[in-house]
Amino acid sequence: MGSGDPNGMGMAHALASSMGGIKTAGDLVARMQLKKMRLPEAKRYVADKLGVSILDLSDSTVMRTLREELDIGVVTGVPGIAKGLEAKARIAELLDIRINCVERMRQKISAPLPQLGSRAGAPAHDEAPSAVAAASRPSGAAATP
């Protein structure tokens, strides 16, 4: 389980929570543990949020169906089911937690786009490209067709 072991995190997670990661609810419980909850408290919190029993959290059949219904990501690619940041955003909303990459994405998509004219050397919106090119030529130089 050293840093060179590709299964190290998966094995550590399995030992810590006795759950199968995204296959069941292990990833959700682990997120709550990162919020300083103890394991039994994290399992109860997630079970309450999902509306299932604690035993159902580690049942891959129940959780597969529930994850598809809630659209919070599944192990295999299913057309139309959330993946990546979309799934993380839904998980953050479901568990009432803050996930850094989701917050950064929200900031980026709500921020205004930079104006093209604000870049050095770029033409402003109201200037025609030919006027900018003429202004940048040395005086007396003829325009080429």
N, C-alpha and C. Protein backbone atom coordinates (compact mmCIF):
# COMPACT_ATOMS: atom_id res chain seq x y z
N MET A 1 0.81 -1.19 0.00
CA MET A 1 0.00 0.00 0.00
C MET A 1 0.85 1.25 0.00
N GLY A 2 2.04 1.17 -0.49
CA GLY A 2 2.89 2.34 -0.57
C GLY A 2 2.47 3.26 -1.69
N SER A 3 3.22 4.32 -1.88
CA SER A 3 2.85 5.31 -2.87
C SER A 3 2.95 4.76 -4.30
N GLY A 4 3.70 3.68 -4.50
CA GLY A 4 3.81 3.11 -5.83
C GLY A 4 2.76 2.06 -6.15
N ASP A 5 1.90 1.76 -5.20
CA ASP A 5 0.88 0.73 -5.39
C ASP A 5 -0.38 1.35 -5.99
N PRO A 6 -0.76 0.98 -7.22
CA PRO A 6 -1.93 1.59 -7.84
C PRO A 6 -3.23 1.23 -7.13
N ASN A 7 -3.24 0.16 -6.36
CA ASN A 7 -4.45 -0.22 -5.63
C ASN A 7 -4.43 0.25 -4.19
N GLY A 8 -3.43 0.98 -3.82
CA GLY A 8 -3.27 1.40 -2.43
C GLY A 8 -4.46 2.16 -1.89
N MET A 9 -4.96 3.15 -2.61
CA MET A 9 -6.08 3.94 -2.11
C MET A 9 -7.34 3.10 -2.03
N GLY A 10 -7.58 2.29 -3.03
CA GLY A 10 -8.78 1.45 -3.01
C GLY A 10 -8.77 0.49 -1.85
N MET A 11 -7.61 -0.10 -1.56
CA MET A 11 -7.52 -1.03 -0.44
C MET A 11 -7.67 -0.29 0.88
N ALA A 12 -7.08 0.87 1.01
CA ALA A 12 -7.21 1.66 2.24
C ALA A 12 -8.67 2.04 2.47
N HIS A 13 -9.34 2.43 1.39
CA HIS A 13 -10.75 2.81 1.51
C HIS A 13 -11.60 1.62 1.92
N ALA A 14 -11.34 0.46 1.32
CA ALA A 14 -12.10 -0.74 1.66
C ALA A 14 -11.90 -1.13 3.12
N LEU A 15 -10.69 -1.00 3.60
CA LEU A 15 -10.41 -1.33 5.00
C LEU A 15 -11.04 -0.31 5.94
N ALA A 16 -11.03 0.94 5.54
CA ALA A 16 -11.52 1.99 6.42
C ALA A 16 -13.04 2.00 6.52
N SER A 17 -13.73 1.80 5.43
CA SER A 17 -15.18 1.96 5.46
C SER A 17 -15.94 0.67 5.15
N SER A 18 -15.25 -0.38 4.75
CA SER A 18 -15.88 -1.65 4.40
C SER A 18 -16.94 -1.48 3.33
N MET A 19 -16.67 -0.59 2.39
CA MET A 19 -17.61 -0.33 1.30
C MET A 19 -16.86 -0.34 -0.01
N GLY A 20 -17.57 -0.42 -1.09
CA GLY A 20 -16.93 -0.55 -2.39
C GLY A 20 -16.79 0.70 -3.20
N GLY A 21 -16.53 1.84 -2.59
CA GLY A 21 -16.32 3.07 -3.35
C GLY A 21 -17.57 3.48 -4.11
N ILE A 22 -17.41 3.87 -5.37
CA ILE A 22 -18.54 4.34 -6.17
C ILE A 22 -19.48 3.18 -6.55
N LYS A 23 -19.02 1.96 -6.38
CA LYS A 23 -19.89 0.80 -6.66
C LYS A 23 -21.05 0.77 -5.67
N THR A 24 -20.83 1.26 -4.47
CA THR A 24 -21.90 1.34 -3.47
C THR A 24 -22.00 2.78 -2.99
N ALA A 25 -21.75 3.03 -1.71
CA ALA A 25 -21.79 4.39 -1.19
C ALA A 25 -20.50 4.75 -0.48
N GLY A 26 -19.45 3.98 -0.71
CA GLY A 26 -18.18 4.22 -0.03
C GLY A 26 -17.60 5.58 -0.30
N ASP A 27 -17.73 6.08 -1.52
CA ASP A 27 -17.19 7.40 -1.84
C ASP A 27 -17.94 8.50 -1.10
N LEU A 28 -19.24 8.31 -0.92
CA LEU A 28 -20.04 9.31 -0.21
C LEU A 28 -19.70 9.33 1.28
N VAL A 29 -19.55 8.13 1.85
CA VAL A 29 -19.18 8.03 3.27
C VAL A 29 -17.77 8.61 3.47
N ALA A 30 -16.86 8.30 2.57
CA ALA A 30 -15.49 8.81 2.69
C ALA A 30 -15.48 10.34 2.62
N ARG A 31 -16.31 10.94 1.78
CA ARG A 31 -16.40 12.41 1.72
C ARG A 31 -16.82 12.98 3.07
N MET A 32 -17.75 12.32 3.73
CA MET A 32 -18.21 12.81 5.03
C MET A 32 -17.12 12.60 6.09
N GLN A 33 -16.35 11.53 5.96
CA GLN A 33 -15.23 11.33 6.89
C GLN A 33 -14.19 12.44 6.71
N LEU A 34 -14.01 12.91 5.48
CA LEU A 34 -13.10 14.02 5.25
C LEU A 34 -13.60 15.31 5.92
N LYS A 35 -14.88 15.37 6.18
CA LYS A 35 -15.47 16.52 6.89
C LYS A 35 -15.42 16.32 8.40
N LYS A 36 -14.55 15.42 8.84
CA LYS A 36 -14.28 15.17 10.26
C LYS A 36 -15.38 14.38 10.97
N MET A 37 -16.18 13.62 10.23
CA MET A 37 -17.16 12.75 10.86
C MET A 37 -16.52 11.40 11.12
N ARG A 38 -16.89 10.78 12.21
CA ARG A 38 -16.45 9.42 12.49
C ARG A 38 -17.24 8.48 11.58
N LEU A 39 -16.73 7.28 11.37
CA LEU A 39 -17.34 6.34 10.43
C LEU A 39 -18.82 6.07 10.72
N PRO A 40 -19.21 5.70 11.93
CA PRO A 40 -20.64 5.43 12.16
C PRO A 40 -21.52 6.66 11.90
N GLU A 41 -21.02 7.83 12.28
CA GLU A 41 -21.75 9.08 12.06
C GLU A 41 -21.87 9.38 10.56
N ALA A 42 -20.79 9.16 9.82
CA ALA A 42 -20.79 9.39 8.37
C ALA A 42 -21.77 8.46 7.66
N LYS A 43 -21.77 7.19 8.06
CA LYS A 43 -22.69 6.23 7.45
C LYS A 43 -24.14 6.63 7.72
N ARG A 44 -24.44 7.03 8.95
CA ARG A 44 -25.80 7.43 9.31
C ARG A 44 -26.21 8.67 8.52
N TYR A 45 -25.32 9.64 8.40
CA TYR A 45 -25.62 10.88 7.67
C TYR A 45 -25.94 10.58 6.21
N VAL A 46 -25.09 9.77 5.57
CA VAL A 46 -25.31 9.44 4.15
C VAL A 46 -26.59 8.64 3.98
N ALA A 47 -26.81 7.66 4.85
CA ALA A 47 -28.03 6.85 4.76
C ALA A 47 -29.27 7.72 4.90
N ASP A 48 -29.25 8.66 5.84
CA ASP A 48 -30.39 9.57 6.01
C ASP A 48 -30.61 10.43 4.78
N LYS A 49 -29.52 10.97 4.21
CA LYS A 49 -29.64 11.82 3.01
C LYS A 49 -30.18 11.04 1.81
N LEU A 50 -29.79 9.75 1.71
CA LEU A 50 -30.23 8.92 0.59
C LEU A 50 -31.59 8.27 0.85
N GLY A 51 -32.01 8.25 2.10
CA GLY A 51 -33.29 7.61 2.43
C GLY A 51 -33.22 6.10 2.43
N VAL A 52 -32.07 5.54 2.81
CA VAL A 52 -31.90 4.08 2.86
C VAL A 52 -31.35 3.70 4.23
N SER A 53 -31.29 2.39 4.48
CA SER A 53 -30.69 1.93 5.74
C SER A 53 -29.18 1.91 5.61
N ILE A 54 -28.50 1.82 6.75
CA ILE A 54 -27.04 1.74 6.74
C ILE A 54 -26.59 0.47 6.01
N LEU A 55 -27.32 -0.62 6.17
CA LEU A 55 -26.96 -1.87 5.47
C LEU A 55 -27.07 -1.71 3.95
N ASP A 56 -28.03 -0.93 3.49
CA ASP A 56 -28.18 -0.72 2.05
C ASP A 56 -26.99 0.03 1.44
N LEU A 57 -26.26 0.79 2.25
CA LEU A 57 -25.12 1.55 1.73
C LEU A 57 -24.07 0.64 1.11
N SER A 58 -23.94 -0.57 1.60
CA SER A 58 -22.93 -1.48 1.06
C SER A 58 -23.52 -2.55 0.15
N ASP A 59 -24.78 -2.42 -0.22
CA ASP A 59 -25.43 -3.34 -1.15
C ASP A 59 -25.29 -2.77 -2.56
N SER A 60 -24.49 -3.43 -3.38
CA SER A 60 -24.19 -2.88 -4.71
C SER A 60 -25.42 -2.81 -5.61
N THR A 61 -26.37 -3.72 -5.46
CA THR A 61 -27.58 -3.69 -6.29
C THR A 61 -28.47 -2.51 -5.92
N VAL A 62 -28.71 -2.34 -4.63
CA VAL A 62 -29.54 -1.22 -4.17
C VAL A 62 -28.89 0.11 -4.55
N MET A 63 -27.59 0.21 -4.31
CA MET A 63 -26.90 1.47 -4.56
C MET A 63 -26.77 1.78 -6.04
N ARG A 64 -26.61 0.76 -6.88
CA ARG A 64 -26.55 1.00 -8.33
C ARG A 64 -27.84 1.65 -8.80
N THR A 65 -28.97 1.08 -8.37
CA THR A 65 -30.27 1.62 -8.76
C THR A 65 -30.45 3.04 -8.21
N LEU A 66 -30.10 3.23 -6.96
CA LEU A 66 -30.26 4.54 -6.34
C LEU A 66 -29.34 5.59 -6.97
N ARG A 67 -28.10 5.20 -7.27
CA ARG A 67 -27.16 6.15 -7.89
C ARG A 67 -27.65 6.56 -9.28
N GLU A 68 -28.27 5.63 -10.01
CA GLU A 68 -28.83 5.98 -11.32
C GLU A 68 -30.02 6.91 -11.16
N GLU A 69 -30.90 6.63 -10.19
CA GLU A 69 -32.08 7.47 -9.97
C GLU A 69 -31.68 8.88 -9.54
N LEU A 70 -30.68 8.99 -8.67
CA LEU A 70 -30.24 10.30 -8.18
C LEU A 70 -29.26 10.98 -9.13
N ASP A 71 -28.79 10.24 -10.13
CA ASP A 71 -27.86 10.75 -11.14
C ASP A 71 -26.58 11.29 -10.50
N ILE A 72 -25.97 10.44 -9.64
CA ILE A 72 -24.74 10.84 -8.95
C ILE A 72 -23.55 9.98 -9.38
N GLY A 73 -23.63 9.36 -10.54
CA GLY A 73 -22.51 8.61 -11.07
C GLY A 73 -22.54 7.14 -10.70
N VAL A 74 -22.13 6.32 -11.65
CA VAL A 74 -22.01 4.88 -11.46
C VAL A 74 -20.66 4.43 -12.00
N VAL A 75 -20.29 3.18 -11.70
CA VAL A 75 -18.97 2.68 -12.10
C VAL A 75 -18.83 2.63 -13.62
N THR A 76 -19.81 2.06 -14.28
CA THR A 76 -19.73 1.90 -15.73
C THR A 76 -20.39 3.09 -16.43
N GLY A 77 -19.95 3.37 -17.62
CA GLY A 77 -20.52 4.47 -18.38
C GLY A 77 -21.91 4.13 -18.88
N VAL A 78 -22.88 4.90 -18.45
CA VAL A 78 -24.26 4.72 -18.90
C VAL A 78 -24.65 6.02 -19.59
N PRO A 79 -25.11 5.95 -20.83
CA PRO A 79 -25.49 7.18 -21.53
C PRO A 79 -26.53 7.98 -20.74
N GLY A 80 -26.26 9.25 -20.59
CA GLY A 80 -27.18 10.14 -19.90
C GLY A 80 -26.97 10.25 -18.40
N ILE A 81 -26.16 9.38 -17.82
CA ILE A 81 -25.90 9.43 -16.38
C ILE A 81 -24.71 10.37 -16.14
N ALA A 82 -24.80 11.15 -15.08
CA ALA A 82 -23.75 12.13 -14.75
C ALA A 82 -22.40 11.46 -14.56
N LYS A 83 -21.36 12.15 -15.04
CA LYS A 83 -19.97 11.70 -14.87
C LYS A 83 -19.14 12.89 -14.41
N GLY A 84 -18.02 12.63 -13.82
CA GLY A 84 -17.05 13.67 -13.49
C GLY A 84 -17.61 14.78 -12.63
N LEU A 85 -17.35 16.02 -13.06
CA LEU A 85 -17.77 17.19 -12.28
C LEU A 85 -19.28 17.29 -12.14
N GLU A 86 -19.98 16.83 -13.14
CA GLU A 86 -21.45 16.87 -13.06
C GLU A 86 -21.92 15.99 -11.89
N ALA A 87 -21.36 14.79 -11.77
CA ALA A 87 -21.72 13.90 -10.66
C ALA A 87 -21.28 14.49 -9.33
N LYS A 88 -20.08 15.07 -9.30
CA LYS A 88 -19.59 15.67 -8.05
C LYS A 88 -20.48 16.83 -7.61
N ALA A 89 -20.95 17.63 -8.56
CA ALA A 89 -21.82 18.75 -8.23
C ALA A 89 -23.13 18.24 -7.64
N ARG A 90 -23.65 17.17 -8.19
CA ARG A 90 -24.89 16.59 -7.67
C ARG A 90 -24.67 15.99 -6.28
N ILE A 91 -23.51 15.38 -6.06
CA ILE A 91 -23.17 14.82 -4.74
C ILE A 91 -23.05 15.94 -3.71
N ALA A 92 -22.39 17.04 -4.08
CA ALA A 92 -22.24 18.17 -3.17
C ALA A 92 -23.60 18.71 -2.76
N GLU A 93 -24.50 18.81 -3.71
CA GLU A 93 -25.85 19.30 -3.43
C GLU A 93 -26.61 18.31 -2.54
N LEU A 94 -26.51 17.03 -2.86
CA LEU A 94 -27.22 15.99 -2.11
C LEU A 94 -26.76 15.92 -0.65
N LEU A 95 -25.44 15.99 -0.43
CA LEU A 95 -24.89 15.84 0.92
C LEU A 95 -24.72 17.17 1.64
N ASP A 96 -25.07 18.27 0.99
CA ASP A 96 -24.91 19.61 1.59
C ASP A 96 -23.46 19.86 2.00
N ILE A 97 -22.53 19.59 1.08
CA ILE A 97 -21.12 19.82 1.36
C ILE A 97 -20.51 20.67 0.26
N ARG A 98 -19.33 21.17 0.53
CA ARG A 98 -18.58 21.97 -0.44
C ARG A 98 -17.47 21.09 -0.99
N ILE A 99 -17.40 20.97 -2.33
CA ILE A 99 -16.33 20.23 -2.99
C ILE A 99 -15.54 21.26 -3.80
N ASN A 100 -14.25 21.39 -3.52
CA ASN A 100 -13.43 22.46 -4.09
C ASN A 100 -13.52 22.55 -5.61
N CYS A 101 -13.35 21.44 -6.32
CA CYS A 101 -13.35 21.51 -7.79
C CYS A 101 -14.71 21.94 -8.32
N VAL A 102 -15.78 21.60 -7.63
CA VAL A 102 -17.12 22.03 -8.03
C VAL A 102 -17.27 23.54 -7.82
N GLU A 103 -16.76 24.03 -6.70
CA GLU A 103 -16.82 25.47 -6.44
C GLU A 103 -16.00 26.26 -7.46
N ARG A 104 -14.82 25.75 -7.81
CA ARG A 104 -13.99 26.43 -8.83
C ARG A 104 -14.71 26.45 -10.17
N MET A 105 -15.35 25.34 -10.53
CA MET A 105 -16.09 25.29 -11.80
C MET A 105 -17.22 26.32 -11.79
N ARG A 106 -17.95 26.40 -10.69
CA ARG A 106 -19.05 27.36 -10.60
C ARG A 106 -18.56 28.79 -10.72
N GLN A 107 -17.41 29.09 -10.10
CA GLN A 107 -16.83 30.43 -10.21
C GLN A 107 -16.46 30.75 -11.65
N LYS A 108 -15.85 29.77 -12.32
CA LYS A 108 -15.42 30.01 -13.70
C LYS A 108 -16.59 30.21 -14.64
N ILE A 109 -17.66 29.42 -14.48
CA ILE A 109 -18.77 29.56 -15.41
C ILE A 109 -19.63 30.78 -15.12
N SER A 110 -19.54 31.33 -13.89
CA SER A 110 -20.32 32.52 -13.58
C SER A 110 -19.52 33.80 -13.79
N ALA A 111 -18.21 33.68 -13.97
CA ALA A 111 -17.37 34.86 -14.19
C ALA A 111 -17.58 35.38 -15.62
N PRO A 112 -17.57 36.69 -15.78
CA PRO A 112 -17.72 37.24 -17.14
C PRO A 112 -16.49 36.90 -17.98
N LEU A 113 -16.72 36.74 -19.27
CA LEU A 113 -15.61 36.49 -20.18
C LEU A 113 -14.77 37.74 -20.33
N PRO A 114 -13.45 37.60 -20.44
CA PRO A 114 -12.61 38.80 -20.63
C PRO A 114 -12.90 39.41 -22.00
N GLN A 115 -12.79 40.73 -22.07
CA GLN A 115 -13.01 41.43 -23.33
C GLN A 115 -11.81 41.22 -24.24
N LEU A 116 -12.05 41.04 -25.52
CA LEU A 116 -10.97 40.82 -26.47
C LEU A 116 -10.04 42.01 -26.53
N GLY A 117 -10.55 43.22 -26.42
CA GLY A 117 -9.74 44.42 -26.50
C GLY A 117 -8.83 44.62 -25.30
N SER A 118 -9.05 43.86 -24.24
CA SER A 118 -8.23 44.04 -23.04
C SER A 118 -6.89 43.33 -23.17
N ARG A 119 -6.74 42.47 -24.16
CA ARG A 119 -5.44 41.80 -24.37
C ARG A 119 -4.51 42.79 -25.08
N ALA A 120 -3.26 42.76 -24.73
CA ALA A 120 -2.28 43.67 -25.35
C ALA A 120 -2.16 43.38 -26.83
N GLY A 121 -2.31 44.40 -27.64
CA GLY A 121 -2.14 44.26 -29.08
C GLY A 121 -3.37 43.75 -29.81
N ALA A 122 -4.42 43.41 -29.11
CA ALA A 122 -5.63 42.92 -29.78
C ALA A 122 -6.51 44.11 -30.16
N PRO A 123 -7.20 44.03 -31.29
CA PRO A 123 -8.06 45.14 -31.70
C PRO A 123 -9.25 45.27 -30.75
N ALA A 124 -9.66 46.50 -30.50
CA ALA A 124 -10.87 46.73 -29.71
C ALA A 124 -12.07 46.37 -30.56
N HIS A 125 -13.22 46.18 -29.94
CA HIS A 125 -14.41 45.76 -30.67
C HIS A 125 -14.86 46.79 -31.70
N ASP A 126 -14.64 48.07 -31.42
CA ASP A 126 -15.14 49.10 -32.33
C ASP A 126 -14.15 49.46 -33.43
N GLU A 127 -12.97 48.85 -33.42
CA GLU A 127 -11.98 49.15 -34.45
C GLU A 127 -12.00 48.07 -35.52
N ALA A 128 -11.91 48.48 -36.75
CA ALA A 128 -11.83 47.51 -37.84
C ALA A 128 -10.42 46.96 -37.90
N PRO A 129 -10.23 45.70 -38.27
CA PRO A 129 -8.89 45.13 -38.35
C PRO A 129 -7.97 45.91 -39.27
N SER A 130 -8.50 46.47 -40.36
CA SER A 130 -7.64 47.21 -41.27
C SER A 130 -7.12 48.50 -40.63
N ALA A 131 -7.92 49.12 -39.77
CA ALA A 131 -7.48 50.34 -39.10
C ALA A 131 -6.36 50.02 -38.11
N VAL A 132 -6.47 48.90 -37.45
CA VAL A 132 -5.43 48.50 -36.50
C VAL A 132 -4.14 48.19 -37.26
N ALA A 133 -4.25 47.49 -38.39
CA ALA A 133 -3.07 47.15 -39.19
C ALA A 133 -2.40 48.41 -39.72
N ALA A 134 -3.20 49.39 -40.18
CA ALA A 134 -2.65 50.63 -40.72
C ALA A 134 -1.93 51.41 -39.62
N ALA A 135 -2.48 51.38 -38.42
CA ALA A 135 -1.87 52.12 -37.32
C ALA A 135 -0.56 51.49 -36.88
N SER A 136 -0.43 50.18 -37.10
CA SER A 136 0.79 49.51 -36.65
C SER A 136 1.90 49.54 -37.70
N ARG A 137 1.60 50.00 -38.96
CA ARG A 137 2.64 50.11 -39.99
C ARG A 137 3.47 51.35 -39.76
N PRO A 138 4.75 51.29 -40.08
CA PRO A 138 5.56 52.52 -40.00
C PRO A 138 5.03 53.55 -40.99
N SER A 139 5.19 54.83 -40.65
CA SER A 139 4.66 55.88 -41.52
C SER A 139 5.36 55.82 -42.87
N GLY A 140 4.60 56.01 -43.92
CA GLY A 140 5.13 56.00 -45.28
C GLY A 140 5.13 54.62 -45.91
N ALA A 141 4.87 53.56 -45.14
CA ALA A 141 4.86 52.20 -45.71
C ALA A 141 3.52 51.97 -46.38
N ALA A 142 3.54 51.39 -47.53
CA ALA A 142 2.32 51.14 -48.29
C ALA A 142 1.69 49.83 -47.84
N ALA A 143 0.38 49.81 -47.90
CA ALA A 143 -0.35 48.57 -47.56
C ALA A 143 -0.19 47.59 -48.71
N THR A 144 -0.04 46.33 -48.38
CA THR A 144 0.03 45.29 -49.41
C THR A 144 -1.31 44.66 -49.60
N PRO A 145 -1.69 44.34 -50.84
CA PRO A 145 -3.04 43.78 -51.08
C PRO A 145 -3.19 42.39 -50.53
